[in-house]
Amino acid sequence: MPYVTSYLRALHLLVDEKQQEAARAVMVQETTPALFRYHDAWNSFAQFQMDQMDKAAKDSRAHYARIRVLTLALILIAVIVASGIAVVTTKRTTTDMKSRIGAERQVKELNAALERQPASVSLPRSHTAPQVSPLILRSSACSPPSGSARGRSVSCRSEGTLPW
């Protein structure tokens, strides 16, 4: 460092050579201006460091703002997707429940209809065709015969007739 060199030279002139005026002149003309230049350089360096810190803080705030907007957008998308899933799931569950309730109602109606019908005449197995349940008849669009079951047939819309 230039100010240290000139200071050591002034010190040498003062102590070793006993030249007080020459040492004072070196201190005033060389050492002091060199010391001021050193302080100015040090202050410039400190200012550069502060500017770098300010720039880093500004960049960090901008980065935080971008990340915050991205995070909020992702949260909004997640809420929308979750809501869509909830709507679809609820709709499917409701549809399934409605069809189950309808099926239960039909089963109750069929059971009530079976209970209202008179008991059929039982014939020996060798003389009759296998019994067809009225529930099966209704589900296959067949109608049971009227009157005695012997020698009659069941009419069905899609499959012709079944022996009764």
N, C-alpha and C. Protein backbone atom coordinates (compact mmCIF):
# COMPACT_ATOMS: atom_id res chain seq x y z
N MET A 1 0.84 -1.16 0.00
CA MET A 1 0.00 0.00 0.00
C MET A 1 0.90 1.25 0.00
N PRO A 2 0.55 2.15 -0.89
CA PRO A 2 1.43 3.32 -1.05
C PRO A 2 1.54 4.19 0.20
N TYR A 3 0.43 4.34 0.97
CA TYR A 3 0.55 5.22 2.14
C TYR A 3 1.44 4.59 3.20
N VAL A 4 1.47 3.26 3.32
CA VAL A 4 2.33 2.59 4.29
C VAL A 4 3.80 2.81 3.91
N THR A 5 4.09 2.72 2.64
CA THR A 5 5.48 2.91 2.17
C THR A 5 5.94 4.33 2.47
N SER A 6 5.11 5.31 2.14
CA SER A 6 5.52 6.71 2.40
C SER A 6 5.58 6.99 3.90
N TYR A 7 4.72 6.37 4.70
CA TYR A 7 4.76 6.53 6.15
C TYR A 7 6.05 5.95 6.70
N LEU A 8 6.44 4.78 6.24
CA LEU A 8 7.69 4.16 6.70
C LEU A 8 8.89 5.01 6.29
N ARG A 9 8.84 5.61 5.10
CA ARG A 9 9.95 6.48 4.66
C ARG A 9 10.03 7.73 5.54
N ALA A 10 8.84 8.33 5.86
CA ALA A 10 8.85 9.52 6.74
C ALA A 10 9.34 9.14 8.13
N LEU A 11 8.96 7.99 8.62
CA LEU A 11 9.41 7.51 9.92
C LEU A 11 10.93 7.30 9.91
N HIS A 12 11.44 6.74 8.83
CA HIS A 12 12.88 6.53 8.69
C HIS A 12 13.62 7.88 8.69
N LEU A 13 13.06 8.86 7.99
CA LEU A 13 13.70 10.18 7.96
C LEU A 13 13.70 10.81 9.36
N LEU A 14 12.62 10.63 10.09
CA LEU A 14 12.50 11.25 11.41
C LEU A 14 13.36 10.55 12.44
N VAL A 15 13.32 9.22 12.50
CA VAL A 15 13.98 8.48 13.57
C VAL A 15 15.45 8.20 13.23
N ASP A 16 15.70 7.66 12.06
CA ASP A 16 17.05 7.21 11.72
C ASP A 16 17.93 8.38 11.27
N GLU A 17 17.41 9.26 10.44
CA GLU A 17 18.24 10.32 9.87
C GLU A 17 18.03 11.64 10.59
N LYS A 18 17.14 11.71 11.51
CA LYS A 18 16.88 12.88 12.33
C LYS A 18 16.55 14.10 11.48
N GLN A 19 15.83 13.92 10.40
CA GLN A 19 15.42 15.02 9.51
C GLN A 19 13.92 15.26 9.72
N GLN A 20 13.66 16.10 10.69
CA GLN A 20 12.28 16.34 11.08
C GLN A 20 11.49 17.07 10.00
N GLU A 21 12.06 18.06 9.35
CA GLU A 21 11.37 18.81 8.31
C GLU A 21 11.11 17.95 7.08
N ALA A 22 12.06 17.15 6.67
CA ALA A 22 11.88 16.27 5.51
C ALA A 22 10.81 15.22 5.82
N ALA A 23 10.78 14.71 7.02
CA ALA A 23 9.78 13.71 7.42
C ALA A 23 8.40 14.35 7.41
N ARG A 24 8.29 15.61 7.94
CA ARG A 24 7.01 16.31 7.93
C ARG A 24 6.55 16.55 6.49
N ALA A 25 7.43 16.90 5.60
CA ALA A 25 7.08 17.16 4.19
C ALA A 25 6.58 15.88 3.52
N VAL A 26 7.23 14.75 3.79
CA VAL A 26 6.79 13.47 3.21
C VAL A 26 5.39 13.12 3.75
N MET A 27 5.17 13.38 5.04
CA MET A 27 3.85 13.07 5.63
C MET A 27 2.76 13.94 5.00
N VAL A 28 3.04 15.20 4.79
CA VAL A 28 2.03 16.12 4.26
C VAL A 28 1.85 15.90 2.76
N GLN A 29 2.90 15.72 2.02
CA GLN A 29 2.81 15.67 0.56
C GLN A 29 2.52 14.26 0.01
N GLU A 30 2.96 13.20 0.70
CA GLU A 30 2.80 11.86 0.15
C GLU A 30 1.89 10.97 1.01
N THR A 31 2.17 10.88 2.29
CA THR A 31 1.46 9.92 3.13
C THR A 31 -0.01 10.30 3.31
N THR A 32 -0.29 11.56 3.64
CA THR A 32 -1.68 11.96 3.86
C THR A 32 -2.53 11.82 2.60
N PRO A 33 -2.10 12.31 1.42
CA PRO A 33 -2.92 12.08 0.22
C PRO A 33 -3.09 10.59 -0.10
N ALA A 34 -2.05 9.81 0.11
CA ALA A 34 -2.15 8.36 -0.14
C ALA A 34 -3.16 7.73 0.83
N LEU A 35 -3.15 8.21 2.10
CA LEU A 35 -4.11 7.71 3.08
C LEU A 35 -5.54 8.07 2.68
N PHE A 36 -5.75 9.29 2.20
CA PHE A 36 -7.09 9.70 1.74
C PHE A 36 -7.54 8.87 0.52
N ARG A 37 -6.60 8.60 -0.40
CA ARG A 37 -6.96 7.74 -1.55
C ARG A 37 -7.33 6.33 -1.08
N TYR A 38 -6.60 5.83 -0.07
CA TYR A 38 -6.91 4.51 0.49
C TYR A 38 -8.30 4.52 1.12
N HIS A 39 -8.63 5.53 1.89
CA HIS A 39 -9.95 5.63 2.51
C HIS A 39 -11.04 5.76 1.45
N ASP A 40 -10.78 6.54 0.39
CA ASP A 40 -11.76 6.67 -0.70
C ASP A 40 -11.99 5.32 -1.39
N ALA A 41 -10.90 4.58 -1.61
CA ALA A 41 -11.03 3.25 -2.24
C ALA A 41 -11.81 2.31 -1.32
N TRP A 42 -11.52 2.40 -0.01
CA TRP A 42 -12.22 1.54 0.95
C TRP A 42 -13.71 1.91 1.00
N ASN A 43 -14.01 3.21 0.99
CA ASN A 43 -15.42 3.65 0.98
C ASN A 43 -16.12 3.23 -0.31
N SER A 44 -15.42 3.29 -1.44
CA SER A 44 -16.00 2.84 -2.71
C SER A 44 -16.30 1.34 -2.66
N PHE A 45 -15.36 0.59 -2.07
CA PHE A 45 -15.58 -0.85 -1.94
C PHE A 45 -16.79 -1.13 -1.03
N ALA A 46 -16.89 -0.42 0.08
CA ALA A 46 -18.02 -0.61 0.99
C ALA A 46 -19.33 -0.24 0.29
N GLN A 47 -19.31 0.87 -0.48
CA GLN A 47 -20.51 1.25 -1.22
C GLN A 47 -20.88 0.19 -2.26
N PHE A 48 -19.88 -0.38 -2.93
CA PHE A 48 -20.13 -1.46 -3.90
C PHE A 48 -20.79 -2.65 -3.20
N GLN A 49 -20.30 -2.99 -2.02
CA GLN A 49 -20.88 -4.10 -1.26
C GLN A 49 -22.32 -3.81 -0.87
N MET A 50 -22.60 -2.59 -0.44
CA MET A 50 -23.97 -2.22 -0.08
C MET A 50 -24.88 -2.26 -1.31
N ASP A 51 -24.36 -1.78 -2.44
CA ASP A 51 -25.16 -1.84 -3.68
C ASP A 51 -25.47 -3.28 -4.06
N GLN A 52 -24.48 -4.15 -3.90
CA GLN A 52 -24.70 -5.57 -4.20
C GLN A 52 -25.74 -6.18 -3.26
N MET A 53 -25.69 -5.81 -1.99
CA MET A 53 -26.68 -6.30 -1.02
C MET A 53 -28.08 -5.79 -1.38
N ASP A 54 -28.17 -4.51 -1.75
CA ASP A 54 -29.47 -3.95 -2.15
C ASP A 54 -30.01 -4.65 -3.39
N LYS A 55 -29.13 -4.90 -4.36
CA LYS A 55 -29.55 -5.59 -5.58
C LYS A 55 -30.01 -7.00 -5.26
N ALA A 56 -29.29 -7.71 -4.39
CA ALA A 56 -29.68 -9.07 -4.00
C ALA A 56 -31.03 -9.06 -3.28
N ALA A 57 -31.25 -8.07 -2.41
CA ALA A 57 -32.53 -7.98 -1.70
C ALA A 57 -33.66 -7.69 -2.69
N LYS A 58 -33.42 -6.81 -3.66
CA LYS A 58 -34.44 -6.50 -4.67
C LYS A 58 -34.74 -7.73 -5.51
N ASP A 59 -33.70 -8.45 -5.93
CA ASP A 59 -33.90 -9.69 -6.70
C ASP A 59 -34.66 -10.73 -5.88
N SER A 60 -34.35 -10.81 -4.60
CA SER A 60 -35.03 -11.77 -3.73
C SER A 60 -36.50 -11.42 -3.59
N ARG A 61 -36.83 -10.13 -3.44
CA ARG A 61 -38.23 -9.73 -3.36
C ARG A 61 -38.97 -10.05 -4.65
N ALA A 62 -38.34 -9.80 -5.79
CA ALA A 62 -38.98 -10.10 -7.08
C ALA A 62 -39.19 -11.61 -7.23
N HIS A 63 -38.18 -12.40 -6.84
CA HIS A 63 -38.29 -13.85 -6.92
C HIS A 63 -39.41 -14.34 -5.99
N TYR A 64 -39.49 -13.79 -4.79
CA TYR A 64 -40.55 -14.15 -3.85
C TYR A 64 -41.92 -13.85 -4.43
N ALA A 65 -42.06 -12.68 -5.07
CA ALA A 65 -43.35 -12.31 -5.67
C ALA A 65 -43.74 -13.28 -6.77
N ARG A 66 -42.78 -13.67 -7.62
CA ARG A 66 -43.07 -14.64 -8.70
C ARG A 66 -43.46 -15.99 -8.12
N ILE A 67 -42.74 -16.45 -7.13
CA ILE A 67 -43.03 -17.75 -6.52
C ILE A 67 -44.38 -17.71 -5.81
N ARG A 68 -44.70 -16.59 -5.18
CA ARG A 68 -46.00 -16.47 -4.51
C ARG A 68 -47.15 -16.55 -5.51
N VAL A 69 -47.00 -15.86 -6.65
CA VAL A 69 -48.04 -15.91 -7.68
C VAL A 69 -48.17 -17.33 -8.22
N LEU A 70 -47.05 -17.99 -8.47
CA LEU A 70 -47.08 -19.37 -8.96
C LEU A 70 -47.75 -20.29 -7.94
N THR A 71 -47.41 -20.13 -6.67
CA THR A 71 -48.01 -20.96 -5.62
C THR A 71 -49.51 -20.76 -5.55
N LEU A 72 -49.94 -19.52 -5.59
CA LEU A 72 -51.38 -19.23 -5.54
C LEU A 72 -52.09 -19.82 -6.77
N ALA A 73 -51.45 -19.73 -7.94
CA ALA A 73 -52.05 -20.31 -9.14
C ALA A 73 -52.18 -21.82 -9.01
N LEU A 74 -51.15 -22.47 -8.49
CA LEU A 74 -51.20 -23.92 -8.31
C LEU A 74 -52.26 -24.32 -7.28
N ILE A 75 -52.39 -23.54 -6.22
CA ILE A 75 -53.43 -23.82 -5.22
C ILE A 75 -54.80 -23.67 -5.86
N LEU A 76 -54.99 -22.62 -6.65
CA LEU A 76 -56.27 -22.40 -7.33
C LEU A 76 -56.59 -23.55 -8.27
N ILE A 77 -55.60 -24.00 -9.03
CA ILE A 77 -55.81 -25.14 -9.93
C ILE A 77 -56.18 -26.39 -9.14
N ALA A 78 -55.50 -26.62 -8.02
CA ALA A 78 -55.79 -27.80 -7.19
C ALA A 78 -57.22 -27.74 -6.65
N VAL A 79 -57.66 -26.56 -6.24
CA VAL A 79 -59.02 -26.41 -5.72
C VAL A 79 -60.04 -26.68 -6.83
N ILE A 80 -59.77 -26.16 -8.02
CA ILE A 80 -60.69 -26.38 -9.15
C ILE A 80 -60.76 -27.86 -9.50
N VAL A 81 -59.61 -28.52 -9.57
CA VAL A 81 -59.59 -29.95 -9.89
C VAL A 81 -60.31 -30.75 -8.80
N ALA A 82 -60.05 -30.43 -7.55
CA ALA A 82 -60.71 -31.15 -6.45
C ALA A 82 -62.22 -30.92 -6.49
N SER A 83 -62.64 -29.71 -6.80
CA SER A 83 -64.08 -29.43 -6.91
C SER A 83 -64.69 -30.23 -8.05
N GLY A 84 -64.00 -30.29 -9.18
CA GLY A 84 -64.50 -31.08 -10.31
C GLY A 84 -64.63 -32.55 -9.95
N ILE A 85 -63.63 -33.07 -9.28
CA ILE A 85 -63.69 -34.47 -8.85
C ILE A 85 -64.85 -34.69 -7.90
N ALA A 86 -65.05 -33.75 -6.98
CA ALA A 86 -66.16 -33.87 -6.02
C ALA A 86 -67.50 -33.85 -6.73
N VAL A 87 -67.65 -32.98 -7.72
CA VAL A 87 -68.92 -32.90 -8.46
C VAL A 87 -69.18 -34.20 -9.21
N VAL A 88 -68.18 -34.68 -9.93
CA VAL A 88 -68.35 -35.92 -10.71
C VAL A 88 -68.65 -37.09 -9.78
N THR A 89 -67.90 -37.21 -8.69
CA THR A 89 -68.11 -38.31 -7.75
C THR A 89 -69.50 -38.24 -7.12
N THR A 90 -69.92 -37.05 -6.73
CA THR A 90 -71.25 -36.89 -6.14
C THR A 90 -72.33 -37.24 -7.14
N LYS A 91 -72.16 -36.80 -8.38
CA LYS A 91 -73.15 -37.09 -9.41
C LYS A 91 -73.25 -38.60 -9.66
N ARG A 92 -72.11 -39.26 -9.75
CA ARG A 92 -72.13 -40.72 -9.98
C ARG A 92 -72.74 -41.45 -8.79
N THR A 93 -72.39 -41.04 -7.59
CA THR A 93 -72.95 -41.67 -6.40
C THR A 93 -74.45 -41.47 -6.34
N THR A 94 -74.91 -40.27 -6.66
CA THR A 94 -76.34 -39.98 -6.66
C THR A 94 -77.06 -40.83 -7.69
N THR A 95 -76.48 -40.95 -8.88
CA THR A 95 -77.08 -41.77 -9.93
C THR A 95 -77.17 -43.23 -9.49
N ASP A 96 -76.10 -43.74 -8.91
CA ASP A 96 -76.11 -45.12 -8.42
C ASP A 96 -77.16 -45.32 -7.33
N MET A 97 -77.25 -44.37 -6.42
CA MET A 97 -78.23 -44.49 -5.34
C MET A 97 -79.66 -44.44 -5.89
N LYS A 98 -79.90 -43.58 -6.87
CA LYS A 98 -81.24 -43.50 -7.46
C LYS A 98 -81.60 -44.82 -8.13
N SER A 99 -80.64 -45.41 -8.87
CA SER A 99 -80.95 -46.67 -9.55
C SER A 99 -81.16 -47.80 -8.52
N ARG A 100 -80.41 -47.79 -7.43
CA ARG A 100 -80.60 -48.81 -6.39
C ARG A 100 -81.96 -48.64 -5.70
N ILE A 101 -82.32 -47.40 -5.43
CA ILE A 101 -83.62 -47.15 -4.80
C ILE A 101 -84.75 -47.59 -5.74
N GLY A 102 -84.58 -47.29 -7.04
CA GLY A 102 -85.58 -47.73 -8.03
C GLY A 102 -85.67 -49.24 -8.10
N ALA A 103 -84.53 -49.91 -8.06
CA ALA A 103 -84.53 -51.38 -8.10
C ALA A 103 -85.19 -51.95 -6.84
N GLU A 104 -84.90 -51.35 -5.69
CA GLU A 104 -85.54 -51.81 -4.46
C GLU A 104 -87.06 -51.63 -4.52
N ARG A 105 -87.49 -50.51 -5.08
CA ARG A 105 -88.92 -50.24 -5.21
C ARG A 105 -89.57 -51.29 -6.12
N GLN A 106 -88.89 -51.61 -7.23
CA GLN A 106 -89.43 -52.63 -8.15
C GLN A 106 -89.51 -53.99 -7.46
N VAL A 107 -88.48 -54.33 -6.70
CA VAL A 107 -88.50 -55.62 -6.00
C VAL A 107 -89.64 -55.66 -5.00
N LYS A 108 -89.86 -54.56 -4.28
CA LYS A 108 -90.98 -54.51 -3.33
C LYS A 108 -92.31 -54.65 -4.06
N GLU A 109 -92.44 -53.97 -5.21
CA GLU A 109 -93.69 -54.07 -5.98
C GLU A 109 -93.90 -55.49 -6.48
N LEU A 110 -92.85 -56.13 -6.97
CA LEU A 110 -92.96 -57.51 -7.46
C LEU A 110 -93.31 -58.45 -6.31
N ASN A 111 -92.69 -58.26 -5.16
CA ASN A 111 -93.01 -59.10 -4.01
C ASN A 111 -94.47 -58.90 -3.59
N ALA A 112 -94.91 -57.66 -3.59
CA ALA A 112 -96.31 -57.40 -3.23
C ALA A 112 -97.25 -58.04 -4.24
N ALA A 113 -96.90 -57.98 -5.52
CA ALA A 113 -97.74 -58.60 -6.56
C ALA A 113 -97.76 -60.12 -6.39
N LEU A 114 -96.64 -60.70 -6.02
CA LEU A 114 -96.59 -62.15 -5.80
C LEU A 114 -97.45 -62.54 -4.61
N GLU A 115 -97.43 -61.73 -3.59
CA GLU A 115 -98.23 -62.04 -2.41
C GLU A 115 -99.73 -61.93 -2.71
N ARG A 116 -100.13 -61.09 -3.63
CA ARG A 116 -101.54 -60.92 -3.97
C ARG A 116 -102.05 -62.05 -4.87
N GLN A 117 -101.15 -62.69 -5.61
CA GLN A 117 -101.60 -63.75 -6.53
C GLN A 117 -101.98 -64.99 -5.74
N PRO A 118 -103.03 -65.73 -6.23
CA PRO A 118 -103.40 -66.96 -5.53
C PRO A 118 -102.33 -68.03 -5.74
N ALA A 119 -102.26 -68.95 -4.81
CA ALA A 119 -101.29 -70.04 -4.92
C ALA A 119 -101.67 -70.92 -6.09
N SER A 120 -100.72 -71.39 -6.83
CA SER A 120 -101.01 -72.22 -8.01
C SER A 120 -101.35 -73.66 -7.58
N VAL A 121 -102.05 -74.32 -8.44
CA VAL A 121 -102.44 -75.70 -8.19
C VAL A 121 -101.21 -76.55 -8.39
N SER A 122 -100.91 -77.41 -7.46
CA SER A 122 -99.72 -78.23 -7.63
C SER A 122 -100.11 -79.54 -8.29
N LEU A 123 -99.43 -79.86 -9.32
CA LEU A 123 -99.63 -81.10 -10.06
C LEU A 123 -98.40 -81.96 -9.88
N PRO A 124 -98.55 -83.26 -10.13
CA PRO A 124 -97.36 -84.11 -10.05
C PRO A 124 -96.31 -83.63 -11.05
N ARG A 125 -95.08 -83.80 -10.71
CA ARG A 125 -93.99 -83.32 -11.55
C ARG A 125 -93.98 -83.97 -12.92
N SER A 126 -94.41 -85.16 -13.04
CA SER A 126 -94.37 -85.85 -14.33
C SER A 126 -95.33 -85.22 -15.32
N HIS A 127 -96.37 -84.52 -14.86
CA HIS A 127 -97.36 -83.96 -15.75
C HIS A 127 -97.17 -82.48 -16.03
N THR A 128 -96.21 -81.83 -15.40
CA THR A 128 -96.07 -80.38 -15.60
C THR A 128 -94.68 -80.03 -16.08
N ALA A 129 -94.62 -78.91 -16.70
CA ALA A 129 -93.31 -78.36 -17.09
C ALA A 129 -92.71 -77.71 -15.85
N PRO A 130 -91.45 -77.41 -15.85
CA PRO A 130 -90.85 -76.76 -14.68
C PRO A 130 -91.58 -75.44 -14.39
N GLN A 131 -91.72 -75.16 -13.12
CA GLN A 131 -92.41 -73.93 -12.71
C GLN A 131 -91.59 -72.71 -13.10
N VAL A 132 -92.28 -71.68 -13.59
CA VAL A 132 -91.64 -70.42 -13.94
C VAL A 132 -92.15 -69.39 -12.96
N SER A 133 -91.27 -68.76 -12.28
CA SER A 133 -91.65 -67.77 -11.28
C SER A 133 -92.27 -66.56 -11.95
N PRO A 134 -93.31 -65.99 -11.36
CA PRO A 134 -93.89 -64.76 -11.92
C PRO A 134 -92.86 -63.64 -11.99
N LEU A 135 -91.86 -63.64 -11.09
CA LEU A 135 -90.82 -62.63 -11.15
C LEU A 135 -90.04 -62.76 -12.45
N ILE A 136 -89.71 -64.01 -12.82
CA ILE A 136 -89.00 -64.25 -14.08
C ILE A 136 -89.89 -63.89 -15.24
N LEU A 137 -91.17 -64.22 -15.13
CA LEU A 137 -92.09 -63.89 -16.22
C LEU A 137 -92.13 -62.39 -16.46
N ARG A 138 -92.18 -61.61 -15.41
CA ARG A 138 -92.23 -60.16 -15.59
C ARG A 138 -90.93 -59.63 -16.14
N SER A 139 -89.82 -60.14 -15.65
CA SER A 139 -88.55 -59.61 -16.12
C SER A 139 -88.26 -60.01 -17.55
N SER A 140 -88.86 -61.09 -18.03
CA SER A 140 -88.61 -61.49 -19.42
C SER A 140 -89.77 -61.14 -20.32
N ALA A 141 -90.68 -60.31 -19.86
CA ALA A 141 -91.82 -59.84 -20.64
C ALA A 141 -92.76 -60.97 -21.01
N CYS A 142 -92.94 -61.95 -20.13
CA CYS A 142 -93.85 -63.06 -20.36
C CYS A 142 -95.08 -62.88 -19.48
N SER A 143 -96.20 -63.41 -19.90
CA SER A 143 -97.40 -63.32 -19.07
C SER A 143 -97.89 -64.72 -18.75
N PRO A 144 -98.26 -64.95 -17.48
CA PRO A 144 -98.71 -66.29 -17.11
C PRO A 144 -100.09 -66.57 -17.72
N PRO A 145 -100.41 -67.86 -17.92
CA PRO A 145 -101.71 -68.20 -18.49
C PRO A 145 -102.83 -67.98 -17.49
N SER A 146 -103.99 -67.83 -17.98
CA SER A 146 -105.13 -67.70 -17.07
C SER A 146 -105.78 -69.07 -16.92
N GLY A 147 -106.41 -69.30 -15.78
CA GLY A 147 -107.12 -70.58 -15.57
C GLY A 147 -106.17 -71.67 -15.16
N SER A 148 -106.49 -72.89 -15.53
CA SER A 148 -105.72 -74.07 -15.15
C SER A 148 -104.39 -74.07 -15.88
N ALA A 149 -103.33 -74.51 -15.23
CA ALA A 149 -102.00 -74.49 -15.83
C ALA A 149 -101.78 -75.66 -16.77
N ARG A 150 -102.55 -76.76 -16.65
CA ARG A 150 -102.29 -77.95 -17.44
C ARG A 150 -102.70 -77.73 -18.89
N GLY A 151 -101.77 -77.97 -19.80
CA GLY A 151 -102.05 -77.89 -21.22
C GLY A 151 -102.00 -76.48 -21.77
N ARG A 152 -101.68 -75.53 -20.97
CA ARG A 152 -101.60 -74.15 -21.44
C ARG A 152 -100.14 -73.79 -21.67
N SER A 153 -99.94 -72.65 -22.32
CA SER A 153 -98.57 -72.18 -22.52
C SER A 153 -98.48 -70.71 -22.12
N VAL A 154 -97.28 -70.28 -21.81
CA VAL A 154 -97.02 -68.89 -21.42
C VAL A 154 -96.59 -68.14 -22.66
N SER A 155 -97.18 -67.00 -22.90
CA SER A 155 -96.76 -66.25 -24.09
C SER A 155 -95.73 -65.21 -23.68
N CYS A 156 -94.69 -65.12 -24.50
CA CYS A 156 -93.60 -64.15 -24.26
C CYS A 156 -93.43 -63.32 -25.51
N ARG A 157 -93.12 -62.07 -25.34
CA ARG A 157 -92.97 -61.18 -26.49
C ARG A 157 -91.72 -61.49 -27.29
N SER A 158 -90.61 -61.77 -26.62
CA SER A 158 -89.37 -61.89 -27.37
C SER A 158 -88.98 -63.31 -27.71
N GLU A 159 -89.47 -64.30 -26.98
CA GLU A 159 -88.96 -65.65 -27.19
C GLU A 159 -90.04 -66.66 -27.56
N GLY A 160 -91.19 -66.24 -27.90
CA GLY A 160 -92.24 -67.20 -28.28
C GLY A 160 -93.01 -67.63 -27.07
N THR A 161 -93.23 -68.95 -26.91
CA THR A 161 -94.03 -69.44 -25.81
C THR A 161 -93.26 -70.46 -25.00
N LEU A 162 -93.63 -70.52 -23.73
CA LEU A 162 -93.07 -71.54 -22.85
C LEU A 162 -94.18 -72.46 -22.43
N PRO A 163 -93.94 -73.76 -22.32
CA PRO A 163 -95.02 -74.65 -21.87
C PRO A 163 -95.31 -74.39 -20.40
N TRP A 164 -96.60 -74.40 -20.06
CA TRP A 164 -96.99 -74.15 -18.68
C TRP A 164 -97.51 -75.34 -18.04
